Amino acid sequence: MQDIVLTLVFSIVMLVFVAFPSMKIIEWAEDKFNVPAKWHNPLLIFTTILLALMIGLFLRYA
């Protein structure tokens, strides 16, 4: 349980720092693929959370 809490704490802090890279990733994906405009915000939120969790896992277990 403590591992999950520490991973989430690291991830919450990283949400601020991965917002800009996730915007650039979604911008690139919209240029390469035909992504509808209504999917922009959900993709941005999902990408931000995914990147933050990945960095949180890295900080916890690396």
Protein backbone atom coordinates (compact mmCIF):
# COMPACT_ATOMS: atom_id res chain seq x y z
CA MET A 1 0.00 0.00 0.00
CA GLN A 2 2.84 2.37 0.80
CA ASP A 3 4.33 1.80 -2.67
CA ILE A 4 1.08 2.89 -4.32
CA VAL A 5 0.83 6.01 -2.16
CA LEU A 6 4.42 7.04 -2.85
CA THR A 7 3.98 6.47 -6.58
CA LEU A 8 0.85 8.63 -6.58
CA VAL A 9 2.58 11.38 -4.57
CA PHE A 10 5.46 11.47 -7.04
CA SER A 11 2.98 11.46 -9.93
CA ILE A 12 0.88 14.32 -8.56
CA VAL A 13 3.97 16.51 -8.31
CA MET A 14 4.98 15.62 -11.86
CA LEU A 15 1.58 16.62 -13.33
CA VAL A 16 2.76 20.23 -13.48
CA PHE A 17 5.97 19.38 -15.30
CA VAL A 18 4.52 17.05 -17.95
CA ALA A 19 1.72 19.37 -19.07
CA PHE A 20 3.80 21.12 -21.74
CA PRO A 21 5.38 17.93 -23.18
CA SER A 22 1.94 16.32 -23.38
CA MET A 23 0.61 19.36 -25.26
CA LYS A 24 3.43 18.98 -27.77
CA ILE A 25 2.77 15.23 -28.12
CA ILE A 26 -0.93 15.83 -28.81
CA GLU A 27 -0.08 18.64 -31.24
CA TRP A 28 2.24 16.26 -33.12
CA ALA A 29 -0.39 13.49 -33.11
CA GLU A 30 -3.01 15.86 -34.50
CA ASP A 31 -0.65 16.83 -37.33
CA LYS A 32 0.22 13.21 -38.20
CA PHE A 33 -3.20 11.58 -37.78
CA ASN A 34 -6.76 12.75 -38.39
CA VAL A 35 -7.85 13.35 -34.81
CA PRO A 36 -11.25 15.00 -34.30
CA ALA A 37 -11.21 18.34 -32.49
CA LYS A 38 -13.48 17.07 -29.72
CA TRP A 39 -10.84 14.49 -28.74
CA HIS A 40 -8.19 17.14 -28.05
CA ASN A 41 -8.96 17.69 -24.35
CA PRO A 42 -9.51 14.02 -23.41
CA LEU A 43 -6.29 13.02 -25.19
CA LEU A 44 -4.40 15.82 -23.48
CA ILE A 45 -5.65 14.81 -20.03
CA PHE A 46 -4.96 11.12 -20.66
CA THR A 47 -1.46 11.82 -21.97
CA THR A 48 -0.65 14.10 -19.04
CA ILE A 49 -1.78 11.53 -16.48
CA LEU A 50 0.00 8.70 -18.29
CA LEU A 51 3.31 10.59 -18.47
CA ALA A 52 3.05 11.63 -14.82
CA LEU A 53 2.38 8.04 -13.74
CA MET A 54 5.30 6.77 -15.81
CA ILE A 55 7.67 9.30 -14.23
CA GLY A 56 6.23 8.56 -10.77
CA LEU A 57 6.87 4.84 -11.28
CA PHE A 58 10.38 5.57 -12.46
CA LEU A 59 11.12 7.76 -9.44
CA ARG A 60 9.74 5.13 -7.06
CA TYR A 61 11.37 1.99 -8.47
CA ALA A 62 14.51 3.18 -10.26
